[in-house]
Amino acid sequence: MKDGRIRLRFFNLGSESSMFFMMRPEEAFTLAVKASEAVADGKKHVFTHKFAGENGEIVTKLTVDSFQSGREGQKVTRHALIISRGEALQVNVPMSAESMLYLAELARFFSIEQAWTQFKKTDGSGATADAGETGAEIEEIEAYQGDTAEQAEEGTARTQSEALVFQAATVKGLTKKAQRAIVEIDGKDVFETRYTKRAEGISVDVGSRVEVAVENGYIAEIRAAA
């Protein structure tokens, strides 16, 4: 959530990029309705945002999908949340029926909460959340430019108030581009990102023993094993 908007962020595992889909409160409420419909009767819904970029129009689509897979007579209904930008960029997030319904509840809650929050333009001036702005709903693939002083201060306060839980792990691989660590926790691969806090002088070569703190499915902090 941010200043009267609800932002969905999608990651490509092993990649340095991520995509945002920014919605007005009423769009988030529609997402809640359509996500519930997808589970109830298999309906599909597509949200389309258009933005005039430097190289022409950029079209981003968010799809609430429901489909069947498996052999005839043994078909199983599955669900997914899919974001696509142009022809080359797409992230598909498979979801269970329960997860899709949970997404619906979150979207419904945030739509009401953010309806009372003022949206701020990039120049810092205020505008109500329903102000019509060309391209306000779309953000390009994020290029990290460092935290602002306010964000850094907020992060420090969070670290001090919330003690991270570390667990031992072995570096099993590295991401292709940035050579960031991949470890296995509870049978699942967990990735280091550009936001991960690394202890000074730590080695993340394959086979290195480390200790990691995991938040939201990613490595929040990594340090050498004791």
Protein backbone atom coordinates (compact mmCIF):
# COMPACT_ATOMS: atom_id res chain seq x y z
CA MET A 1 0.00 0.00 0.00
CA LYS A 2 1.18 3.49 -0.74
CA ASP A 3 -0.59 6.86 -0.55
CA GLY A 4 -4.06 5.78 -1.64
CA ARG A 5 -2.91 3.01 -3.97
CA ILE A 6 -2.57 -0.75 -3.57
CA ARG A 7 0.59 -2.18 -5.13
CA LEU A 8 1.12 -5.79 -6.12
CA ARG A 9 4.76 -6.73 -6.59
CA PHE A 10 5.85 -9.70 -8.69
CA PHE A 11 9.32 -11.27 -8.62
CA ASN A 12 11.05 -13.47 -11.16
CA LEU A 13 13.03 -15.91 -9.02
CA GLY A 14 16.72 -15.71 -9.79
CA SER A 15 16.31 -12.38 -11.56
CA GLU A 16 17.21 -8.86 -10.49
CA SER A 17 13.94 -7.42 -11.77
CA SER A 18 10.46 -7.12 -10.36
CA MET A 19 7.20 -5.69 -11.64
CA PHE A 20 4.56 -3.63 -9.88
CA PHE A 21 0.86 -3.40 -10.63
CA MET A 22 -0.65 -0.37 -8.95
CA MET A 23 -4.40 -0.20 -8.38
CA ARG A 24 -6.88 2.40 -7.22
CA PRO A 25 -9.04 1.34 -4.26
CA GLU A 26 -12.01 0.57 -6.52
CA GLU A 27 -9.80 -1.61 -8.74
CA ALA A 28 -8.58 -3.53 -5.69
CA PHE A 29 -12.20 -4.14 -4.71
CA THR A 30 -12.91 -5.44 -8.22
CA LEU A 31 -9.89 -7.74 -7.88
CA ALA A 32 -11.42 -9.09 -4.66
CA VAL A 33 -14.72 -9.80 -6.42
CA LYS A 34 -13.10 -11.41 -9.46
CA ALA A 35 -10.74 -13.55 -7.35
CA SER A 36 -13.75 -14.89 -5.46
CA GLU A 37 -15.59 -15.54 -8.74
CA ALA A 38 -12.60 -17.44 -10.12
CA VAL A 39 -12.86 -19.90 -7.24
CA ALA A 40 -16.66 -20.09 -7.29
CA ASP A 41 -17.30 -20.62 -10.99
CA GLY A 42 -13.99 -20.53 -12.87
CA LYS A 43 -14.46 -17.08 -14.39
CA LYS A 44 -11.40 -15.29 -15.78
CA HIS A 45 -10.81 -11.54 -15.53
CA VAL A 46 -8.12 -9.29 -17.01
CA PHE A 47 -7.12 -5.84 -15.73
CA THR A 48 -5.37 -3.73 -18.38
CA HIS A 49 -3.26 -0.64 -17.70
CA LYS A 50 -1.71 1.49 -20.42
CA PHE A 51 1.17 3.92 -20.10
CA ALA A 52 2.84 6.19 -22.64
CA GLY A 53 6.54 5.35 -22.34
CA GLU A 54 9.59 6.73 -24.13
CA ASN A 55 9.42 4.02 -26.80
CA GLY A 56 5.67 4.00 -27.25
CA GLU A 57 2.67 2.66 -25.40
CA ILE A 58 3.33 0.13 -22.62
CA VAL A 59 0.53 -2.30 -21.82
CA THR A 60 0.48 -4.23 -18.55
CA LYS A 61 -2.12 -6.89 -17.84
CA LEU A 62 -3.06 -8.56 -14.58
CA THR A 63 -5.03 -11.76 -15.07
CA VAL A 64 -7.05 -13.65 -12.48
CA ASP A 65 -7.12 -17.09 -14.08
CA SER A 66 -8.90 -20.34 -13.40
CA PHE A 67 -8.31 -23.44 -15.49
CA GLN A 68 -8.49 -27.22 -15.47
CA SER A 69 -5.60 -29.65 -15.86
CA GLY A 70 -5.21 -33.41 -15.84
CA ARG A 71 -6.62 -36.30 -17.80
CA GLU A 72 -10.21 -36.54 -18.94
CA GLY A 73 -12.36 -37.61 -16.02
CA GLN A 74 -9.60 -36.62 -13.55
CA LYS A 75 -9.43 -32.91 -14.21
CA VAL A 76 -8.51 -30.60 -11.34
CA THR A 77 -9.36 -26.90 -11.17
CA ARG A 78 -6.34 -24.69 -10.60
CA HIS A 79 -5.90 -20.96 -10.21
CA ALA A 80 -3.21 -18.38 -10.97
CA LEU A 81 -2.45 -14.67 -10.79
CA ILE A 82 -0.53 -13.61 -13.91
CA ILE A 83 1.14 -10.31 -14.73
CA SER A 84 2.43 -9.59 -18.22
CA ARG A 85 4.06 -6.55 -19.78
CA GLY A 86 4.47 -6.54 -23.52
CA GLU A 87 5.36 -9.85 -25.12
CA ALA A 88 8.56 -10.68 -23.26
CA LEU A 89 7.76 -10.16 -19.58
CA GLN A 90 5.41 -12.45 -17.66
CA VAL A 91 5.22 -13.80 -14.14
CA ASN A 92 2.80 -16.61 -13.35
CA VAL A 93 1.91 -17.19 -9.70
CA PRO A 94 0.07 -20.53 -9.19
CA MET A 95 -2.43 -20.36 -6.33
CA SER A 96 -4.63 -22.77 -4.47
CA ALA A 97 -8.31 -21.96 -4.04
CA GLU A 98 -7.59 -21.00 -0.43
CA SER A 99 -4.78 -18.64 -1.47
CA MET A 100 -6.96 -17.01 -4.11
CA LEU A 101 -9.71 -16.41 -1.55
CA TYR A 102 -7.15 -15.01 0.89
CA LEU A 103 -5.96 -12.63 -1.84
CA ALA A 104 -9.58 -11.57 -2.30
CA GLU A 105 -9.93 -10.76 1.41
CA LEU A 106 -6.67 -8.77 1.46
CA ALA A 107 -7.65 -6.81 -1.64
CA ARG A 108 -11.06 -6.06 -0.16
CA PHE A 109 -9.56 -4.85 3.13
CA PHE A 110 -6.89 -2.68 1.47
CA SER A 111 -9.40 -1.17 -0.94
CA ILE A 112 -11.43 0.19 1.98
CA GLU A 113 -8.42 1.32 3.99
CA GLN A 114 -6.70 3.14 1.12
CA ALA A 115 -9.92 4.85 0.00
CA TRP A 116 -9.32 7.31 2.86
CA THR A 117 -5.66 7.94 2.12
CA GLN A 118 -4.37 10.83 0.04
CA PHE A 119 -2.42 10.00 -3.12
CA LYS A 120 0.78 12.00 -3.62
CA LYS A 121 2.07 12.84 -7.06
CA THR A 122 5.76 12.44 -7.90
CA ASP A 123 6.29 16.18 -7.42
CA GLY A 124 5.04 15.87 -3.83
CA SER A 125 1.74 17.66 -4.35
CA GLY A 126 -1.41 16.05 -3.06
CA ALA A 127 -4.38 14.69 -4.95
CA THR A 128 -7.32 12.60 -3.84
CA ALA A 129 -7.17 8.89 -4.51
CA ASP A 130 -9.73 9.12 -7.31
CA ALA A 131 -7.90 11.84 -9.23
CA GLY A 132 -7.49 10.77 -12.86
CA GLU A 133 -3.82 10.68 -13.83
CA THR A 134 -2.51 9.25 -17.08
CA GLY A 135 -0.32 6.27 -16.36
CA ALA A 136 -0.51 6.62 -12.60
CA GLU A 137 -1.34 2.91 -12.26
CA ILE A 138 1.80 1.61 -13.99
CA GLU A 139 5.36 1.45 -12.75
CA GLU A 140 8.26 0.21 -14.85
CA ILE A 141 10.48 -2.67 -13.79
CA GLU A 142 12.10 -1.38 -10.68
CA ALA A 143 15.64 -0.08 -10.84
CA TYR A 144 16.94 0.09 -7.26
CA GLN A 145 18.50 3.46 -6.47
CA GLY A 146 19.09 3.06 -2.77
CA ASP A 147 16.90 3.79 0.21
CA THR A 148 15.95 7.32 1.14
CA ALA A 149 17.03 8.51 4.58
CA GLU A 150 13.47 8.00 5.79
CA GLN A 151 13.38 4.41 4.47
CA ALA A 152 16.77 3.62 5.97
CA GLU A 153 15.70 5.01 9.32
CA GLU A 154 12.47 3.00 9.14
CA GLY A 155 14.45 -0.15 8.34
CA THR A 156 16.76 0.41 11.31
CA ALA A 157 13.82 0.83 13.66
CA ARG A 158 12.24 -2.35 12.31
CA THR A 159 15.46 -4.32 12.80
CA GLN A 160 15.79 -3.10 16.35
CA SER A 161 12.19 -3.90 17.25
CA GLU A 162 11.96 -7.27 15.50
CA ALA A 163 14.67 -9.82 16.29
CA LEU A 164 15.44 -11.93 13.22
CA VAL A 165 15.60 -15.70 13.60
CA PHE A 166 18.70 -17.23 11.99
CA GLN A 167 19.12 -20.82 10.87
CA ALA A 168 22.14 -22.66 9.51
CA ALA A 169 22.25 -23.51 5.81
CA THR A 170 24.63 -24.37 3.00
CA VAL A 171 24.92 -22.29 -0.17
CA LYS A 172 23.70 -24.70 -2.86
CA GLY A 173 23.90 -22.34 -5.83
CA LEU A 174 24.17 -18.77 -7.07
CA THR A 175 21.85 -16.67 -9.23
CA LYS A 176 23.13 -16.29 -12.78
CA LYS A 177 23.44 -12.52 -13.11
CA ALA A 178 24.22 -11.17 -9.66
CA GLN A 179 25.80 -14.29 -8.14
CA ARG A 180 23.56 -14.12 -5.09
CA ALA A 181 23.17 -17.03 -2.72
CA ILE A 182 20.57 -19.76 -2.99
CA VAL A 183 20.03 -21.99 0.05
CA GLU A 184 17.56 -24.73 0.90
CA ILE A 185 15.25 -24.23 3.87
CA ASP A 186 12.66 -26.87 4.76
CA GLY A 187 12.99 -28.43 1.32
CA LYS A 188 12.48 -25.16 -0.58
CA ASP A 189 15.00 -22.96 -2.39
CA VAL A 190 15.31 -19.53 -0.80
CA PHE A 191 17.02 -16.69 -2.66
CA GLU A 192 19.17 -13.77 -1.64
CA THR A 193 18.01 -10.47 -3.22
CA ARG A 194 19.54 -7.04 -3.65
CA TYR A 195 17.79 -6.05 -0.41
CA THR A 196 19.45 -8.81 1.60
CA LYS A 197 21.76 -7.57 4.33
CA ARG A 198 25.15 -9.29 4.05
CA ALA A 199 27.58 -9.51 6.93
CA GLU A 200 30.92 -7.89 6.10
CA GLY A 201 33.48 -10.23 4.58
CA ILE A 202 31.09 -13.16 4.17
CA SER A 203 31.74 -15.75 1.45
CA VAL A 204 28.76 -17.04 -0.51
CA ASP A 205 30.62 -19.55 -2.65
CA VAL A 206 28.76 -22.78 -3.37
CA GLY A 207 29.23 -25.09 -0.41
CA SER A 208 29.80 -22.27 2.10
CA ARG A 209 28.15 -22.71 5.50
CA VAL A 210 26.08 -19.68 6.43
CA GLU A 211 23.29 -18.55 8.71
CA VAL A 212 20.25 -16.89 7.17
CA ALA A 213 17.17 -15.04 8.39
CA VAL A 214 14.18 -15.52 6.09
CA GLU A 215 11.31 -13.05 5.68
CA ASN A 216 8.45 -13.32 3.18
CA GLY A 217 10.12 -16.25 1.46
CA TYR A 218 13.45 -14.50 0.78
CA ILE A 219 16.74 -14.12 2.63
CA ALA A 220 16.53 -10.94 4.69
CA GLU A 221 20.01 -11.25 6.22
CA ILE A 222 22.94 -13.61 5.71
CA ARG A 223 26.07 -14.09 7.80
CA ALA A 224 28.85 -16.60 8.26
CA ALA A 225 28.01 -19.71 10.26
CA ALA A 226 29.14 -19.54 13.87
